Every structure is written in C-alpha cells, then in structure tokens.
C-alpha atoms as a PDB file:
ATOM      1  CA  MET A   1     -19.776  15.134  32.438  1.00  0.00           C
ATOM      2  CA  ALA A   2     -22.171  17.229  33.994  1.00  0.00           C
ATOM      3  CA  ARG A   3     -26.330  15.803  32.347  1.00  0.00           C
ATOM      4  CA  ARG A   4     -26.431  19.213  30.722  1.00  0.00           C
ATOM      5  CA  GLY A   5     -23.242  18.726  28.555  1.00  0.00           C
ATOM      6  CA  ARG A   6     -23.990  15.372  28.135  1.00  0.00           C
ATOM      7  CA  THR A   7     -27.196  15.934  26.281  1.00  0.00           C
ATOM      8  CA  SER A   8     -25.752  19.248  24.407  1.00  0.00           C
ATOM      9  CA  TYR A   9     -22.828  16.744  22.822  1.00  0.00           C
ATOM     10  CA  ARG A  10     -25.433  14.025  22.127  1.00  0.00           C
ATOM     11  CA  SER A  11     -27.661  16.850  20.368  1.00  0.00           C
ATOM     12  CA  CYS A  12     -24.327  17.790  18.329  1.00  0.00           C
ATOM     13  CA  ALA A  13     -23.488  14.196  17.677  1.00  0.00           C
ATOM     14  CA  ALA A  14     -26.547  13.372  16.319  1.00  0.00           C
ATOM     15  CA  LEU A  15     -26.894  16.661  14.105  1.00  0.00           C
ATOM     16  CA  CYS A  16     -23.657  15.892  12.397  1.00  0.00           C
ATOM     17  CA  VAL A  17     -24.683  12.515  11.709  1.00  0.00           C
ATOM     18  CA  LYS A  18     -28.334  14.055  10.193  1.00  0.00           C
ATOM     19  CA  ALA A  19     -25.889  16.564   7.809  1.00  0.00           C
ATOM     20  CA  ALA A  20     -23.599  13.256   6.847  1.00  0.00           C
ATOM     21  CA  VAL A  21     -26.338  11.784   5.792  1.00  0.00           C
ATOM     22  CA  ILE A  22     -28.429  14.702   3.925  1.00  0.00           C
ATOM     23  CA  ALA A  23     -24.502  14.766   2.416  1.00  0.00           C
ATOM     24  CA  LEU A  24     -24.503  11.347   1.172  1.00  0.00           C
ATOM     25  CA  LEU A  25     -28.086  11.588  -0.067  1.00  0.00           C
ATOM     26  CA  LEU A  26     -26.650  14.791  -2.261  1.00  0.00           C
ATOM     27  CA  GLY A  27     -24.019  13.259  -3.443  1.00  0.00           C
ATOM     28  CA  LEU A  28     -25.412   9.989  -4.773  1.00  0.00           C
ATOM     29  CA  ALA A  29     -28.419  11.695  -6.281  1.00  0.00           C
ATOM     30  CA  MET A  30     -25.251  13.855  -7.741  1.00  0.00           C
ATOM     31  CA  LEU A  31     -23.128  11.037  -9.074  1.00  0.00           C
ATOM     32  CA  GLN A  32     -26.464   9.310 -10.959  1.00  0.00           C
ATOM     33  CA  SER A  33     -27.358  12.793 -12.969  1.00  0.00           C
ATOM     34  CA  VAL A  34     -23.581  13.108 -14.000  1.00  0.00           C
ATOM     35  CA  LEU A  35     -23.220   9.104 -14.947  1.00  0.00           C
ATOM     36  CA  GLY A  36     -27.037   8.694 -16.002  1.00  0.00           C
ATOM     37  CA  THR A  37     -29.690   6.304 -14.094  1.00  0.00           C
ATOM     38  CA  THR A  38     -31.887   3.762 -14.895  1.00  0.00           C
ATOM     39  CA  GLY A  39     -35.526   4.513 -13.391  1.00  0.00           C
ATOM     40  CA  SER A  40     -39.023   3.362 -14.711  1.00  0.00           C
ATOM     41  CA  GLN A  41     -38.586   6.302 -17.107  1.00  0.00           C
ATOM     42  CA  GLY A  42     -35.467   4.069 -18.858  1.00  0.00           C
ATOM     43  CA  GLN A  43     -32.154   4.863 -18.621  1.00  0.00           C
ATOM     44  CA  THR A  44     -30.734   8.573 -18.869  1.00  0.00           C
ATOM     45  CA  VAL A  45     -27.499   9.783 -20.259  1.00  0.00           C
ATOM     46  CA  VAL A  46     -26.045  13.304 -20.435  1.00  0.00           C
ATOM     47  CA  VAL A  47     -24.523  13.886 -23.209  1.00  0.00           C
ATOM     48  CA  GLY A  48     -20.458  15.110 -23.889  1.00  0.00           C
ATOM     49  CA  SER A  49     -18.873  16.678 -25.377  1.00  0.00           C
ATOM     50  CA  GLY A  50     -18.281  15.385 -29.289  1.00  0.00           C
ATOM     51  CA  GLN A  51     -20.814  12.475 -28.825  1.00  0.00           C
ATOM     52  CA  THR A  52     -23.543  11.602 -31.774  1.00  0.00           C
ATOM     53  CA  LEU A  53     -26.516   9.874 -31.304  1.00  0.00           C
ATOM     54  CA  TRP A  54     -24.592   7.533 -33.577  1.00  0.00           C
ATOM     55  CA  GLY A  55     -21.988   6.950 -31.275  1.00  0.00           C
ATOM     56  CA  ILE A  56     -24.542   6.654 -28.448  1.00  0.00           C
ATOM     57  CA  ALA A  57     -26.521   4.121 -30.530  1.00  0.00           C
ATOM     58  CA  VAL A  58     -23.542   1.708 -30.870  1.00  0.00           C
ATOM     59  CA  GLN A  59     -22.519   2.318 -27.428  1.00  0.00           C
ATOM     60  CA  HIS A  60     -25.719   1.400 -25.772  1.00  0.00           C
ATOM     61  CA  TYR A  61     -27.494  -1.334 -28.170  1.00  0.00           C
ATOM     62  CA  PRO A  62     -24.936  -3.406 -30.090  1.00  0.00           C
ATOM     63  CA  GLU A  63     -26.939  -5.741 -31.376  1.00  0.00           C
ATOM     64  CA  SER A  64     -29.272  -3.219 -33.023  1.00  0.00           C
ATOM     65  CA  ASP A  65     -29.080  -1.320 -36.330  1.00  0.00           C
ATOM     66  CA  PRO A  66     -27.978   1.934 -35.171  1.00  0.00           C
ATOM     67  CA  ARG A  67     -30.421   3.798 -37.250  1.00  0.00           C
ATOM     68  CA  GLN A  68     -32.998   1.903 -35.451  1.00  0.00           C
ATOM     69  CA  ALA A  69     -31.998   2.639 -32.207  1.00  0.00           C
ATOM     70  CA  ILE A  70     -31.485   6.235 -33.230  1.00  0.00           C
ATOM     71  CA  ALA A  71     -35.122   6.701 -34.304  1.00  0.00           C
ATOM     72  CA  ALA A  72     -36.183   4.976 -30.795  1.00  0.00           C
ATOM     73  CA  ILE A  73     -34.040   7.674 -29.053  1.00  0.00           C
ATOM     74  CA  GLU A  74     -35.428  10.494 -31.306  1.00  0.00           C
ATOM     75  CA  SER A  75     -38.852   9.104 -30.587  1.00  0.00           C
ATOM     76  CA  ARG A  76     -38.660   8.687 -26.602  1.00  0.00           C
ATOM     77  CA  ASN A  77     -36.814  12.475 -26.327  1.00  0.00           C
ATOM     78  CA  HIS A  78     -39.454  14.172 -28.242  1.00  0.00           C
ATOM     79  CA  LEU A  79     -36.585  14.895 -31.033  1.00  0.00           C
ATOM     80  CA  SER A  80     -37.140  16.347 -34.508  1.00  0.00           C
ATOM     81  CA  GLY A  81     -33.691  15.071 -35.854  1.00  0.00           C
ATOM     82  CA  ALA A  82     -30.058  14.240 -34.710  1.00  0.00           C
ATOM     83  CA  THR A  83     -28.810  17.254 -33.060  1.00  0.00           C
ATOM     84  CA  ILE A  84     -27.666  16.574 -29.639  1.00  0.00           C
ATOM     85  CA  VAL A  85     -25.659  19.291 -27.693  1.00  0.00           C
ATOM     86  CA  PRO A  86     -23.459  18.683 -24.553  1.00  0.00           C
ATOM     87  CA  GLY A  87     -24.801  18.434 -20.905  1.00  0.00           C
ATOM     88  CA  GLN A  88     -28.266  16.922 -22.690  1.00  0.00           C
ATOM     89  CA  ARG A  89     -30.099  14.335 -20.869  1.00  0.00           C
ATOM     90  CA  LEU A  90     -31.730  11.434 -23.188  1.00  0.00           C
ATOM     91  CA  VAL A  91     -33.581   8.933 -21.707  1.00  0.00           C
ATOM     92  CA  LEU A  92     -33.001   5.607 -23.440  1.00  0.00           C
ATOM     93  CA  PRO A  93     -35.751   3.622 -24.305  1.00  0.00           C
ATOM     94  CA  ALA A  94     -35.502  -0.395 -22.940  1.00  0.00           C
ATOM     95  CA  SER A  95     -34.352  -1.626 -26.564  1.00  0.00           C
ATOM     96  CA  GLY A  96     -32.652   0.689 -29.631  1.00  0.00           C
END
C-alpha cells in the first residue's frame, strides 16, 4: 500500500476508535440516568409508573421506618408533599 493509503487507513481507524469510545461513554451515561446513579449527591432514582414514595422508601431503606424515610426524601428533594410523577428524578439521602 502506498504511504498515502496507509495514512488514510490509520486516520480512519483512529477516527472509528474515537467514535466508539464516545458512543460507549454516552451509552454508560444514559444507562446511569435510567437506572439511577450514586454520586456525591447521593443515589438518584427515576420514578416509574405506579411508584410511590412509600414504595421507594421501603425498597431503599428496608431497616427504617418508611415515614421517616419519606420525610427525608421529601426534604432532600424539596417536595411539599408525597406526590411524585413518572420520570421524576429523586435524590435519595444517605440514610432514611
């Protein structure tokens, strides 16, 4: 292969690798967004259809009184009540 052909092939290969890495990173970011993340702010959950604060509290804080866990979730997310909607993101406190 001519020198120019090898250079084009290497450039194309490098571009493909970069595109694959970017796609992988975006995919991981989307997966974290959908499944919830754990970061410096705490674990984040996305409310699903039919979910309630009570159910989230029982699921994520099984050893705590659900009423205390709900109060902590409401406080952490600046909620004025227990009403949540599908797709809403909630940051869960470290302990309920």
